[in-house]
Amino acid sequence: MNRVTAWLSRPIWWLRRERLLLPVIALALLLIEAIAVRVVYMGTFGPDPQVAEGAALPLGHAVLGGLGVSALVTGLVGTYRLARRGRLITAALAVPLLCFPVAVAATASLYASLVMAAIL
């Protein structure tokens, strides 16, 4: 167990030092959201439905809205910290390649939740 902790602590320390930890956490939240949406969809409309059709809409809103808001806030705070206190070269590479796509995807998730509420 000690080796695993030592193996994980170096990359986490480096990400934290470079002010990239929060944008990477926001990206992980978006990946978790994509997996959760797939699970809800398959649980509702899959070959063997496990979730009642009436519960699918609130569950979808909870996944899209909750994880979308958390990813958006985490990504924007991480972007602010990176731009404010990070190194210039790190910020110049990470903002357009990591932070901006994460913010757009999280905003799209919130928009999809609102569209789903308006249609259904």
PDB file of N, CA and C in Angstrom:
ATOM      1  N   MET A   1       0.824  -1.201   0.000  1.00  0.00           N
ATOM      2  CA  MET A   1       0.000   0.000   0.000  1.00  0.00           C
ATOM      3  C   MET A   1       0.863   1.258   0.000  1.00  0.00           C
ATOM      4  N   ASN A   2       1.989   1.187   0.657  1.00  0.00           N
ATOM      5  CA  ASN A   2       2.868   2.342   0.738  1.00  0.00           C
ATOM      6  C   ASN A   2       3.439   2.697  -0.635  1.00  0.00           C
ATOM      7  N   ARG A   3       3.717   1.679  -1.468  1.00  0.00           N
ATOM      8  CA  ARG A   3       4.228   1.949  -2.797  1.00  0.00           C
ATOM      9  C   ARG A   3       3.191   2.626  -3.674  1.00  0.00           C
ATOM     10  N   VAL A   4       1.946   2.208  -3.530  1.00  0.00           N
ATOM     11  CA  VAL A   4       0.875   2.819  -4.313  1.00  0.00           C
ATOM     12  C   VAL A   4       0.710   4.278  -3.928  1.00  0.00           C
ATOM     13  N   THR A   5       0.747   4.559  -2.647  1.00  0.00           N
ATOM     14  CA  THR A   5       0.632   5.934  -2.183  1.00  0.00           C
ATOM     15  C   THR A   5       1.795   6.787  -2.697  1.00  0.00           C
ATOM     16  N   ALA A   6       2.980   6.233  -2.644  1.00  0.00           N
ATOM     17  CA  ALA A   6       4.143   6.971  -3.142  1.00  0.00           C
ATOM     18  C   ALA A   6       4.057   7.161  -4.654  1.00  0.00           C
ATOM     19  N   TRP A   7       3.539   6.154  -5.359  1.00  0.00           N
ATOM     20  CA  TRP A   7       3.414   6.235  -6.808  1.00  0.00           C
ATOM     21  C   TRP A   7       2.396   7.294  -7.218  1.00  0.00           C
ATOM     22  N   LEU A   8       1.308   7.445  -6.448  1.00  0.00           N
ATOM     23  CA  LEU A   8       0.283   8.439  -6.770  1.00  0.00           C
ATOM     24  C   LEU A   8       0.620   9.834  -6.259  1.00  0.00           C
ATOM     25  N   SER A   9       1.426   9.929  -5.243  1.00  0.00           N
ATOM     26  CA  SER A   9       1.666  11.243  -4.647  1.00  0.00           C
ATOM     27  C   SER A   9       2.516  12.143  -5.544  1.00  0.00           C
ATOM     28  N   ARG A  10       3.435  11.582  -6.309  1.00  0.00           N
ATOM     29  CA  ARG A  10       4.281  12.414  -7.166  1.00  0.00           C
ATOM     30  C   ARG A  10       3.488  13.117  -8.269  1.00  0.00           C
ATOM     31  N   PRO A  11       2.648  12.393  -9.050  1.00  0.00           N
ATOM     32  CA  PRO A  11       1.873  13.117 -10.075  1.00  0.00           C
ATOM     33  C   PRO A  11       0.889  14.115  -9.476  1.00  0.00           C
ATOM     34  N   ILE A  12       0.272  13.759  -8.358  1.00  0.00           N
ATOM     35  CA  ILE A  12      -0.657  14.696  -7.725  1.00  0.00           C
ATOM     36  C   ILE A  12       0.091  15.914  -7.228  1.00  0.00           C
ATOM     37  N   TRP A  13       1.266  15.732  -6.654  1.00  0.00           N
ATOM     38  CA  TRP A  13       2.067  16.865  -6.194  1.00  0.00           C
ATOM     39  C   TRP A  13       2.459  17.759  -7.369  1.00  0.00           C
ATOM     40  N   TRP A  14       2.860  17.139  -8.504  1.00  0.00           N
ATOM     41  CA  TRP A  14       3.249  17.919  -9.673  1.00  0.00           C
ATOM     42  C   TRP A  14       2.057  18.702 -10.226  1.00  0.00           C
ATOM     43  N   LEU A  15       0.892  18.060 -10.331  1.00  0.00           N
ATOM     44  CA  LEU A  15      -0.299  18.758 -10.817  1.00  0.00           C
ATOM     45  C   LEU A  15      -0.669  19.918  -9.896  1.00  0.00           C
ATOM     46  N   ARG A  16      -0.539  19.697  -8.614  1.00  0.00           N
ATOM     47  CA  ARG A  16      -0.857  20.767  -7.667  1.00  0.00           C
ATOM     48  C   ARG A  16       0.149  21.913  -7.774  1.00  0.00           C
ATOM     49  N   ARG A  17       1.416  21.582  -7.941  1.00  0.00           N
ATOM     50  CA  ARG A  17       2.454  22.613  -8.056  1.00  0.00           C
ATOM     51  C   ARG A  17       2.266  23.450  -9.314  1.00  0.00           C
ATOM     52  N   GLU A  18       1.854  22.799 -10.399  1.00  0.00           N
ATOM     53  CA  GLU A  18       1.638  23.506 -11.662  1.00  0.00           C
ATOM     54  C   GLU A  18       0.244  24.129 -11.766  1.00  0.00           C
ATOM     55  N   ARG A  19      -0.552  24.032 -10.735  1.00  0.00           N
ATOM     56  CA  ARG A  19      -1.920  24.567 -10.692  1.00  0.00           C
ATOM     57  C   ARG A  19      -2.844  23.883 -11.707  1.00  0.00           C
ATOM     58  N   LEU A  20      -2.601  22.605 -11.957  1.00  0.00           N
ATOM     59  CA  LEU A  20      -3.422  21.856 -12.912  1.00  0.00           C
ATOM     60  C   LEU A  20      -4.336  20.843 -12.239  1.00  0.00           C
ATOM     61  N   LEU A  21      -4.316  20.767 -10.926  1.00  0.00           N
ATOM     62  CA  LEU A  21      -5.094  19.737 -10.238  1.00  0.00           C
ATOM     63  C   LEU A  21      -6.595  19.959 -10.400  1.00  0.00           C
ATOM     64  N   LEU A  22      -7.073  21.180 -10.223  1.00  0.00           N
ATOM     65  CA  LEU A  22      -8.514  21.431 -10.353  1.00  0.00           C
ATOM     66  C   LEU A  22      -9.027  21.240 -11.779  1.00  0.00           C
ATOM     67  N   PRO A  23      -8.332  21.694 -12.825  1.00  0.00           N
ATOM     68  CA  PRO A  23      -8.815  21.378 -14.173  1.00  0.00           C
ATOM     69  C   PRO A  23      -8.830  19.879 -14.477  1.00  0.00           C
ATOM     70  N   VAL A  24      -7.878  19.132 -13.955  1.00  0.00           N
ATOM     71  CA  VAL A  24      -7.873  17.679 -14.171  1.00  0.00           C
ATOM     72  C   VAL A  24      -9.022  17.026 -13.397  1.00  0.00           C
ATOM     73  N   ILE A  25      -9.312  17.513 -12.206  1.00  0.00           N
ATOM     74  CA  ILE A  25     -10.460  17.000 -11.449  1.00  0.00           C
ATOM     75  C   ILE A  25     -11.753  17.303 -12.207  1.00  0.00           C
ATOM     76  N   ALA A  26     -11.875  18.484 -12.809  1.00  0.00           N
ATOM     77  CA  ALA A  26     -13.065  18.824 -13.593  1.00  0.00           C
ATOM     78  C   ALA A  26     -13.200  17.893 -14.793  1.00  0.00           C
ATOM     79  N   LEU A  27     -12.094  17.566 -15.436  1.00  0.00           N
ATOM     80  CA  LEU A  27     -12.134  16.616 -16.547  1.00  0.00           C
ATOM     81  C   LEU A  27     -12.575  15.240 -16.066  1.00  0.00           C
ATOM     82  N   ALA A  28     -12.091  14.817 -14.908  1.00  0.00           N
ATOM     83  CA  ALA A  28     -12.518  13.533 -14.346  1.00  0.00           C
ATOM     84  C   ALA A  28     -14.009  13.547 -14.014  1.00  0.00           C
ATOM     85  N   LEU A  29     -14.515  14.666 -13.536  1.00  0.00           N
ATOM     86  CA  LEU A  29     -15.949  14.775 -13.267  1.00  0.00           C
ATOM     87  C   LEU A  29     -16.769  14.646 -14.547  1.00  0.00           C
ATOM     88  N   LEU A  30     -16.285  15.213 -15.640  1.00  0.00           N
ATOM     89  CA  LEU A  30     -16.996  15.065 -16.916  1.00  0.00           C
ATOM     90  C   LEU A  30     -16.985  13.622 -17.403  1.00  0.00           C
ATOM     91  N   LEU A  31     -15.887  12.932 -17.197  1.00  0.00           N
ATOM     92  CA  LEU A  31     -15.834  11.521 -17.580  1.00  0.00           C
ATOM     93  C   LEU A  31     -16.777  10.687 -16.716  1.00  0.00           C
ATOM     94  N   ILE A  32     -16.835  10.982 -15.429  1.00  0.00           N
ATOM     95  CA  ILE A  32     -17.773  10.294 -14.541  1.00  0.00           C
ATOM     96  C   ILE A  32     -19.203  10.595 -14.957  1.00  0.00           C
ATOM     97  N   GLU A  33     -19.456  11.824 -15.377  1.00  0.00           N
ATOM     98  CA  GLU A  33     -20.798  12.194 -15.834  1.00  0.00           C
ATOM     99  C   GLU A  33     -21.194  11.410 -17.079  1.00  0.00           C
ATOM    100  N   ALA A  34     -20.276  11.258 -18.019  1.00  0.00           N
ATOM    101  CA  ALA A  34     -20.579  10.495 -19.231  1.00  0.00           C
ATOM    102  C   ALA A  34     -20.895   9.038 -18.893  1.00  0.00           C
ATOM    103  N   ILE A  35     -20.150   8.467 -17.971  1.00  0.00           N
ATOM    104  CA  ILE A  35     -20.417   7.092 -17.555  1.00  0.00           C
ATOM    105  C   ILE A  35     -21.762   6.996 -16.848  1.00  0.00           C
ATOM    106  N   ALA A  36     -22.065   7.971 -15.984  1.00  0.00           N
ATOM    107  CA  ALA A  36     -23.327   7.950 -15.249  1.00  0.00           C
ATOM    108  C   ALA A  36     -24.536   8.128 -16.176  1.00  0.00           C
ATOM    109  N   VAL A  37     -24.398   8.979 -17.188  1.00  0.00           N
ATOM    110  CA  VAL A  37     -25.495   9.145 -18.152  1.00  0.00           C
ATOM    111  C   VAL A  37     -25.726   7.848 -18.901  1.00  0.00           C
ATOM    112  N   ARG A  38     -24.662   7.170 -19.274  1.00  0.00           N
ATOM    113  CA  ARG A  38     -24.787   5.877 -19.963  1.00  0.00           C
ATOM    114  C   ARG A  38     -25.464   4.846 -19.063  1.00  0.00           C
ATOM    115  N   VAL A  39     -25.107   4.827 -17.790  1.00  0.00           N
ATOM    116  CA  VAL A  39     -25.716   3.882 -16.850  1.00  0.00           C
ATOM    117  C   VAL A  39     -27.204   4.170 -16.685  1.00  0.00           C
ATOM    118  N   VAL A  40     -27.567   5.442 -16.554  1.00  0.00           N
ATOM    119  CA  VAL A  40     -28.979   5.805 -16.415  1.00  0.00           C
ATOM    120  C   VAL A  40     -29.741   5.444 -17.681  1.00  0.00           C
ATOM    121  N   TYR A  41     -29.159   5.712 -18.832  1.00  0.00           N
ATOM    122  CA  TYR A  41     -29.824   5.392 -20.095  1.00  0.00           C
ATOM    123  C   TYR A  41     -30.042   3.888 -20.241  1.00  0.00           C
ATOM    124  N   MET A  42     -28.992   3.116 -19.976  1.00  0.00           N
ATOM    125  CA  MET A  42     -29.124   1.663 -20.100  1.00  0.00           C
ATOM    126  C   MET A  42     -30.053   1.093 -19.028  1.00  0.00           C
ATOM    127  N   GLY A  43     -30.062   1.695 -17.867  1.00  0.00           N
ATOM    128  CA  GLY A  43     -30.971   1.243 -16.816  1.00  0.00           C
ATOM    129  C   GLY A  43     -32.416   1.565 -17.106  1.00  0.00           C
ATOM    130  N   THR A  44     -32.657   2.561 -17.930  1.00  0.00           N
ATOM    131  CA  THR A  44     -34.022   2.955 -18.246  1.00  0.00           C
ATOM    132  C   THR A  44     -34.508   2.339 -19.547  1.00  0.00           C
ATOM    133  N   PHE A  45     -33.708   2.419 -20.578  1.00  0.00           N
ATOM    134  CA  PHE A  45     -34.152   1.995 -21.910  1.00  0.00           C
ATOM    135  C   PHE A  45     -33.418   0.775 -22.440  1.00  0.00           C
ATOM    136  N   GLY A  46     -32.579   0.143 -21.645  1.00  0.00           N
ATOM    137  CA  GLY A  46     -31.802  -0.999 -22.097  1.00  0.00           C
ATOM    138  C   GLY A  46     -32.647  -2.251 -22.272  1.00  0.00           C
ATOM    139  N   PRO A  47     -32.000  -3.355 -22.570  1.00  0.00           N
ATOM    140  CA  PRO A  47     -32.736  -4.598 -22.790  1.00  0.00           C
ATOM    141  C   PRO A  47     -33.441  -5.098 -21.530  1.00  0.00           C
ATOM    142  N   ASP A  48     -32.860  -4.811 -20.368  1.00  0.00           N
ATOM    143  CA  ASP A  48     -33.484  -5.211 -19.102  1.00  0.00           C
ATOM    144  C   ASP A  48     -33.629  -3.972 -18.220  1.00  0.00           C
ATOM    145  N   PRO A  49     -34.741  -3.219 -18.372  1.00  0.00           N
ATOM    146  CA  PRO A  49     -34.876  -1.954 -17.634  1.00  0.00           C
ATOM    147  C   PRO A  49     -34.918  -2.173 -16.122  1.00  0.00           C
ATOM    148  N   GLN A  50     -34.077  -1.442 -15.411  1.00  0.00           N
ATOM    149  CA  GLN A  50     -34.016  -1.518 -13.956  1.00  0.00           C
ATOM    150  C   GLN A  50     -34.608  -0.278 -13.292  1.00  0.00           C
ATOM    151  N   VAL A  51     -34.608   0.834 -13.992  1.00  0.00           N
ATOM    152  CA  VAL A  51     -35.091   2.099 -13.446  1.00  0.00           C
ATOM    153  C   VAL A  51     -36.490   2.351 -14.008  1.00  0.00           C
ATOM    154  N   ALA A  52     -37.395   2.748 -13.140  1.00  0.00           N
ATOM    155  CA  ALA A  52     -38.748   3.058 -13.597  1.00  0.00           C
ATOM    156  C   ALA A  52     -38.712   4.272 -14.518  1.00  0.00           C
ATOM    157  N   GLU A  53     -39.633   4.303 -15.474  1.00  0.00           N
ATOM    158  CA  GLU A  53     -39.619   5.390 -16.459  1.00  0.00           C
ATOM    159  C   GLU A  53     -39.878   6.743 -15.808  1.00  0.00           C
ATOM    160  N   GLY A  54     -40.657   6.771 -14.752  1.00  0.00           N
ATOM    161  CA  GLY A  54     -40.919   8.021 -14.049  1.00  0.00           C
ATOM    162  C   GLY A  54     -39.720   8.539 -13.278  1.00  0.00           C
ATOM    163  N   ALA A  55     -38.834   7.655 -12.894  1.00  0.00           N
ATOM    164  CA  ALA A  55     -37.645   8.068 -12.141  1.00  0.00           C
ATOM    165  C   ALA A  55     -36.483   8.432 -13.052  1.00  0.00           C
ATOM    166  N   ALA A  56     -36.591   8.118 -14.337  1.00  0.00           N
ATOM    167  CA  ALA A  56     -35.480   8.373 -15.249  1.00  0.00           C
ATOM    168  C   ALA A  56     -35.244   9.863 -15.445  1.00  0.00           C
ATOM    169  N   LEU A  57     -36.299  10.655 -15.521  1.00  0.00           N
ATOM    170  CA  LEU A  57     -36.137  12.090 -15.746  1.00  0.00           C
ATOM    171  C   LEU A  57     -35.456  12.782 -14.563  1.00  0.00           C
ATOM    172  N   PRO A  58     -35.923  12.587 -13.318  1.00  0.00           N
ATOM    173  CA  PRO A  58     -35.195  13.224 -12.206  1.00  0.00           C
ATOM    174  C   PRO A  58     -33.767  12.710 -12.047  1.00  0.00           C
ATOM    175  N   LEU A  59     -33.571  11.423 -12.334  1.00  0.00           N
ATOM    176  CA  LEU A  59     -32.230  10.870 -12.239  1.00  0.00           C
ATOM    177  C   LEU A  59     -31.317  11.465 -13.308  1.00  0.00           C
ATOM    178  N   GLY A  60     -31.843  11.646 -14.510  1.00  0.00           N
ATOM    179  CA  GLY A  60     -31.062  12.296 -15.566  1.00  0.00           C
ATOM    180  C   GLY A  60     -30.729  13.732 -15.234  1.00  0.00           C
ATOM    181  N   HIS A  61     -31.694  14.446 -14.644  1.00  0.00           N
ATOM    182  CA  HIS A  61     -31.423  15.830 -14.228  1.00  0.00           C
ATOM    183  C   HIS A  61     -30.367  15.877 -13.138  1.00  0.00           C
ATOM    184  N   ALA A  62     -30.434  14.948 -12.212  1.00  0.00           N
ATOM    185  CA  ALA A  62     -29.452  14.929 -11.130  1.00  0.00           C
ATOM    186  C   ALA A  62     -28.049  14.680 -11.675  1.00  0.00           C
ATOM    187  N   VAL A  63     -27.941  13.758 -12.630  1.00  0.00           N
ATOM    188  CA  VAL A  63     -26.625  13.457 -13.192  1.00  0.00           C
ATOM    189  C   VAL A  63     -26.130  14.625 -14.028  1.00  0.00           C
ATOM    190  N   LEU A  64     -26.944  15.080 -14.985  1.00  0.00           N
ATOM    191  CA  LEU A  64     -26.508  16.159 -15.881  1.00  0.00           C
ATOM    192  C   LEU A  64     -26.318  17.472 -15.129  1.00  0.00           C
ATOM    193  N   GLY A  65     -27.256  17.794 -14.257  1.00  0.00           N
ATOM    194  CA  GLY A  65     -27.174  19.062 -13.542  1.00  0.00           C
ATOM    195  C   GLY A  65     -26.114  19.065 -12.457  1.00  0.00           C
ATOM    196  N   GLY A  66     -26.143  18.055 -11.614  1.00  0.00           N
ATOM    197  CA  GLY A  66     -25.217  18.023 -10.480  1.00  0.00           C
ATOM    198  C   GLY A  66     -23.770  17.898 -10.885  1.00  0.00           C
ATOM    199  N   LEU A  67     -23.480  16.909 -11.700  1.00  0.00           N
ATOM    200  CA  LEU A  67     -22.095  16.744 -12.129  1.00  0.00           C
ATOM    201  C   LEU A  67     -21.666  17.844 -13.091  1.00  0.00           C
ATOM    202  N   GLY A  68     -22.607  18.379 -13.875  1.00  0.00           N
ATOM    203  CA  GLY A  68     -22.281  19.490 -14.764  1.00  0.00           C
ATOM    204  C   GLY A  68     -21.909  20.745 -14.004  1.00  0.00           C
ATOM    205  N   VAL A  69     -22.674  21.062 -12.968  1.00  0.00           N
ATOM    206  CA  VAL A  69     -22.367  22.245 -12.149  1.00  0.00           C
ATOM    207  C   VAL A  69     -21.038  22.061 -11.430  1.00  0.00           C
ATOM    208  N   SER A  70     -20.834  20.885 -10.858  1.00  0.00           N
ATOM    209  CA  SER A  70     -19.582  20.676 -10.129  1.00  0.00           C
ATOM    210  C   SER A  70     -18.372  20.729 -11.072  1.00  0.00           C
ATOM    211  N   ALA A  71     -18.499  20.166 -12.272  1.00  0.00           N
ATOM    212  CA  ALA A  71     -17.394  20.232 -13.231  1.00  0.00           C
ATOM    213  C   ALA A  71     -17.158  21.660 -13.704  1.00  0.00           C
ATOM    214  N   LEU A  72     -18.239  22.407 -13.931  1.00  0.00           N
ATOM    215  CA  LEU A  72     -18.094  23.785 -14.393  1.00  0.00           C
ATOM    216  C   LEU A  72     -17.431  24.663 -13.338  1.00  0.00           C
ATOM    217  N   VAL A  73     -17.891  24.574 -12.113  1.00  0.00           N
ATOM    218  CA  VAL A  73     -17.319  25.397 -11.044  1.00  0.00           C
ATOM    219  C   VAL A  73     -15.867  25.010 -10.786  1.00  0.00           C
ATOM    220  N   THR A  74     -15.601  23.709 -10.706  1.00  0.00           N
ATOM    221  CA  THR A  74     -14.229  23.267 -10.476  1.00  0.00           C
ATOM    222  C   THR A  74     -13.308  23.691 -11.613  1.00  0.00           C
ATOM    223  N   GLY A  75     -13.785  23.562 -12.851  1.00  0.00           N
ATOM    224  CA  GLY A  75     -12.970  23.962 -13.999  1.00  0.00           C
ATOM    225  C   GLY A  75     -12.711  25.457 -14.050  1.00  0.00           C
ATOM    226  N   LEU A  76     -13.737  26.259 -13.755  1.00  0.00           N
ATOM    227  CA  LEU A  76     -13.542  27.710 -13.799  1.00  0.00           C
ATOM    228  C   LEU A  76     -12.636  28.203 -12.672  1.00  0.00           C
ATOM    229  N   VAL A  77     -12.798  27.627 -11.475  1.00  0.00           N
ATOM    230  CA  VAL A  77     -11.913  27.999 -10.373  1.00  0.00           C
ATOM    231  C   VAL A  77     -10.478  27.574 -10.687  1.00  0.00           C
ATOM    232  N   GLY A  78     -10.327  26.397 -11.252  1.00  0.00           N
ATOM    233  CA  GLY A  78      -8.998  25.940 -11.643  1.00  0.00           C
ATOM    234  C   GLY A  78      -8.382  26.807 -12.720  1.00  0.00           C
ATOM    235  N   THR A  79      -9.199  27.238 -13.679  1.00  0.00           N
ATOM    236  CA  THR A  79      -8.705  28.133 -14.729  1.00  0.00           C
ATOM    237  C   THR A  79      -8.268  29.470 -14.144  1.00  0.00           C
ATOM    238  N   TYR A  80      -9.057  30.001 -13.223  1.00  0.00           N
ATOM    239  CA  TYR A  80      -8.700  31.278 -12.596  1.00  0.00           C
ATOM    240  C   TYR A  80      -7.387  31.155 -11.825  1.00  0.00           C
ATOM    241  N   ARG A  81      -7.270  30.088 -11.039  1.00  0.00           N
ATOM    242  CA  ARG A  81      -6.040  29.911 -10.268  1.00  0.00           C
ATOM    243  C   ARG A  81      -4.827  29.703 -11.174  1.00  0.00           C
ATOM    244  N   LEU A  82      -5.043  28.945 -12.246  1.00  0.00           N
ATOM    245  CA  LEU A  82      -3.944  28.705 -13.180  1.00  0.00           C
ATOM    246  C   LEU A  82      -3.514  29.998 -13.862  1.00  0.00           C
ATOM    247  N   ALA A  83      -4.477  30.796 -14.297  1.00  0.00           N
ATOM    248  CA  ALA A  83      -4.146  32.050 -14.975  1.00  0.00           C
ATOM    249  C   ALA A  83      -3.567  33.077 -14.001  1.00  0.00           C
ATOM    250  N   ARG A  84      -4.003  33.024 -12.766  1.00  0.00           N
ATOM    251  CA  ARG A  84      -3.564  34.016 -11.786  1.00  0.00           C
ATOM    252  C   ARG A  84      -2.192  33.699 -11.194  1.00  0.00           C
ATOM    253  N   ARG A  85      -1.982  32.419 -10.822  1.00  0.00           N
ATOM    254  CA  ARG A  85      -0.761  32.075 -10.091  1.00  0.00           C
ATOM    255  C   ARG A  85       0.128  31.058 -10.789  1.00  0.00           C
ATOM    256  N   GLY A  86      -0.323  30.509 -11.903  1.00  0.00           N
ATOM    257  CA  GLY A  86       0.463  29.477 -12.581  1.00  0.00           C
ATOM    258  C   GLY A  86       1.552  30.063 -13.462  1.00  0.00           C
ATOM    259  N   ARG A  87       2.410  29.177 -13.956  1.00  0.00           N
ATOM    260  CA  ARG A  87       3.453  29.625 -14.877  1.00  0.00           C
ATOM    261  C   ARG A  87       2.815  29.975 -16.216  1.00  0.00           C
ATOM    262  N   LEU A  88       3.419  30.894 -16.914  1.00  0.00           N
ATOM    263  CA  LEU A  88       2.859  31.394 -18.168  1.00  0.00           C
ATOM    264  C   LEU A  88       2.772  30.300 -19.228  1.00  0.00           C
ATOM    265  N   ILE A  89       3.807  29.493 -19.373  1.00  0.00           N
ATOM    266  CA  ILE A  89       3.800  28.462 -20.406  1.00  0.00           C
ATOM    267  C   ILE A  89       2.757  27.383 -20.088  1.00  0.00           C
ATOM    268  N   THR A  90       2.596  27.048 -18.814  1.00  0.00           N
ATOM    269  CA  THR A  90       1.591  26.064 -18.419  1.00  0.00           C
ATOM    270  C   THR A  90       0.198  26.599 -18.696  1.00  0.00           C
ATOM    271  N   ALA A  91      -0.036  27.848 -18.342  1.00  0.00           N
ATOM    272  CA  ALA A  91      -1.349  28.446 -18.583  1.00  0.00           C
ATOM    273  C   ALA A  91      -1.628  28.583 -20.073  1.00  0.00           C
ATOM    274  N   ALA A  92      -0.606  28.932 -20.846  1.00  0.00           N
ATOM    275  CA  ALA A  92      -0.800  29.100 -22.286  1.00  0.00           C
ATOM    276  C   ALA A  92      -1.157  27.786 -22.964  1.00  0.00           C
ATOM    277  N   LEU A  93      -0.675  26.681 -22.444  1.00  0.00           N
ATOM    278  CA  LEU A  93      -0.999  25.378 -23.020  1.00  0.00           C
ATOM    279  C   LEU A  93      -2.277  24.776 -22.434  1.00  0.00           C
ATOM    280  N   ALA A  94      -2.473  24.927 -21.136  1.00  0.00           N
ATOM    281  CA  ALA A  94      -3.577  24.234 -20.471  1.00  0.00           C
ATOM    282  C   ALA A  94      -4.923  24.912 -20.682  1.00  0.00           C
ATOM    283  N   VAL A  95      -4.954  26.227 -20.759  1.00  0.00           N
ATOM    284  CA  VAL A  95      -6.248  26.903 -20.890  1.00  0.00           C
ATOM    285  C   VAL A  95      -6.944  26.549 -22.200  1.00  0.00           C
ATOM    286  N   PRO A  96      -6.306  26.666 -23.364  1.00  0.00           N
ATOM    287  CA  PRO A  96      -7.038  26.315 -24.584  1.00  0.00           C
ATOM    288  C   PRO A  96      -7.196  24.809 -24.810  1.00  0.00           C
ATOM    289  N   LEU A  97      -6.295  23.999 -24.258  1.00  0.00           N
ATOM    290  CA  LEU A  97      -6.353  22.561 -24.510  1.00  0.00           C
ATOM    291  C   LEU A  97      -7.121  21.778 -23.454  1.00  0.00           C
ATOM    292  N   LEU A  98      -7.222  22.301 -22.236  1.00  0.00           N
ATOM    293  CA  LEU A  98      -7.881  21.572 -21.156  1.00  0.00           C
ATOM    294  C   LEU A  98      -9.037  22.359 -20.547  1.00  0.00           C
ATOM    295  N   CYS A  99      -8.776  23.573 -20.118  1.00  0.00           N
ATOM    296  CA  CYS A  99      -9.769  24.318 -19.343  1.00  0.00           C
ATOM    297  C   CYS A  99     -10.966  24.748 -20.183  1.00  0.00           C
ATOM    298  N   PHE A 100     -10.715  25.295 -21.361  1.00  0.00           N
ATOM    299  CA  PHE A 100     -11.825  25.755 -22.200  1.00  0.00           C
ATOM    300  C   PHE A 100     -12.716  24.608 -22.667  1.00  0.00           C
ATOM    301  N   PRO A 101     -12.173  23.485 -23.161  1.00  0.00           N
ATOM    302  CA  PRO A 101     -13.071  22.380 -23.537  1.00  0.00           C
ATOM    303  C   PRO A 101     -13.860  21.809 -22.361  1.00  0.00           C
ATOM    304  N   VAL A 102     -13.259  21.777 -21.183  1.00  0.00           N
ATOM    305  CA  VAL A 102     -13.986  21.297 -20.000  1.00  0.00           C
ATOM    306  C   VAL A 102     -15.134  22.239 -19.673  1.00  0.00           C
ATOM    307  N   ALA A 103     -14.900  23.539 -19.732  1.00  0.00           N
ATOM    308  CA  ALA A 103     -15.963  24.506 -19.446  1.00  0.00           C
ATOM    309  C   ALA A 103     -17.079  24.420 -20.479  1.00  0.00           C
ATOM    310  N   VAL A 104     -16.736  24.242 -21.740  1.00  0.00           N
ATOM    311  CA  VAL A 104     -17.757  24.126 -22.784  1.00  0.00           C
ATOM    312  C   VAL A 104     -18.573  22.856 -22.595  1.00  0.00           C
ATOM    313  N   ALA A 105     -17.918  21.747 -22.294  1.00  0.00           N
ATOM    314  CA  ALA A 105     -18.642  20.486 -22.095  1.00  0.00           C
ATOM    315  C   ALA A 105     -19.534  20.540 -20.858  1.00  0.00           C
ATOM    316  N   ALA A 106     -19.074  21.163 -19.798  1.00  0.00           N
ATOM    317  CA  ALA A 106     -19.900  21.285 -18.593  1.00  0.00           C
ATOM    318  C   ALA A 106     -21.090  22.204 -18.839  1.00  0.00           C
ATOM    319  N   THR A 107     -20.891  23.277 -19.582  1.00  0.00           N
ATOM    320  CA  THR A 107     -22.001  24.163 -19.928  1.00  0.00           C
ATOM    321  C   THR A 107     -22.992  23.446 -20.834  1.00  0.00           C
ATOM    322  N   ALA A 108     -22.506  22.646 -21.761  1.00  0.00           N
ATOM    323  CA  ALA A 108     -23.387  21.862 -22.628  1.00  0.00           C
ATOM    324  C   ALA A 108     -24.188  20.852 -21.821  1.00  0.00           C
ATOM    325  N   SER A 109     -23.598  20.308 -20.788  1.00  0.00           N
ATOM    326  CA  SER A 109     -24.312  19.383 -19.914  1.00  0.00           C
ATOM    327  C   SER A 109     -25.456  20.076 -19.194  1.00  0.00           C
ATOM    328  N   LEU A 110     -25.207  21.278 -18.693  1.00  0.00           N
ATOM    329  CA  LEU A 110     -26.276  22.040 -18.041  1.00  0.00           C
ATOM    330  C   LEU A 110     -27.365  22.410 -19.042  1.00  0.00           C
ATOM    331  N   TYR A 111     -26.968  22.784 -20.241  1.00  0.00           N
ATOM    332  CA  TYR A 111     -27.936  23.118 -21.285  1.00  0.00           C
ATOM    333  C   TYR A 111     -28.767  21.900 -21.660  1.00  0.00           C
ATOM    334  N   ALA A 112     -28.134  20.733 -21.738  1.00  0.00           N
ATOM    335  CA  ALA A 112     -28.869  19.507 -22.054  1.00  0.00           C
ATOM    336  C   ALA A 112     -29.877  19.183 -20.959  1.00  0.00           C
ATOM    337  N   SER A 113     -29.529  19.450 -19.731  1.00  0.00           N
ATOM    338  CA  SER A 113     -30.467  19.234 -18.621  1.00  0.00           C
ATOM    339  C   SER A 113     -31.673  20.164 -18.751  1.00  0.00           C
ATOM    340  N   LEU A 114     -31.432  21.431 -19.121  1.00  0.00           N
ATOM    341  CA  LEU A 114     -32.536  22.376 -19.294  1.00  0.00           C
ATOM    342  C   LEU A 114     -33.399  22.018 -20.502  1.00  0.00           C
ATOM    343  N   VAL A 115     -32.777  21.582 -21.591  1.00  0.00           N
ATOM    344  CA  VAL A 115     -33.534  21.179 -22.780  1.00  0.00           C
ATOM    345  C   VAL A 115     -34.383  19.951 -22.469  1.00  0.00           C
ATOM    346  N   MET A 116     -33.799  19.024 -21.731  1.00  0.00           N
ATOM    347  CA  MET A 116     -34.535  17.825 -21.351  1.00  0.00           C
ATOM    348  C   MET A 116     -35.738  18.191 -20.484  1.00  0.00           C
ATOM    349  N   ALA A 117     -35.579  19.166 -19.611  1.00  0.00           N
ATOM    350  CA  ALA A 117     -36.694  19.593 -18.770  1.00  0.00           C
ATOM    351  C   ALA A 117     -37.764  20.299 -19.586  1.00  0.00           C
ATOM    352  N   ALA A 118     -37.363  21.070 -20.585  1.00  0.00           N
ATOM    353  CA  ALA A 118     -38.341  21.808 -21.399  1.00  0.00           C
ATOM    354  C   ALA A 118     -39.116  20.860 -22.326  1.00  0.00           C
ATOM    355  N   ILE A 119     -38.454  19.856 -22.860  1.00  0.00           N
ATOM    356  CA  ILE A 119     -39.117  18.952 -23.795  1.00  0.00           C
ATOM    357  C   ILE A 119     -39.975  17.929 -23.064  1.00  0.00           C
ATOM    358  N   LEU A 120     -39.426  17.358 -22.025  1.00  0.00           N
ATOM    359  CA  LEU A 120     -40.138  16.295 -21.329  1.00  0.00           C
ATOM    360  C   LEU A 120     -40.912  16.875 -20.172  1.00  0.00           C
TER     361      LEU A 120
END
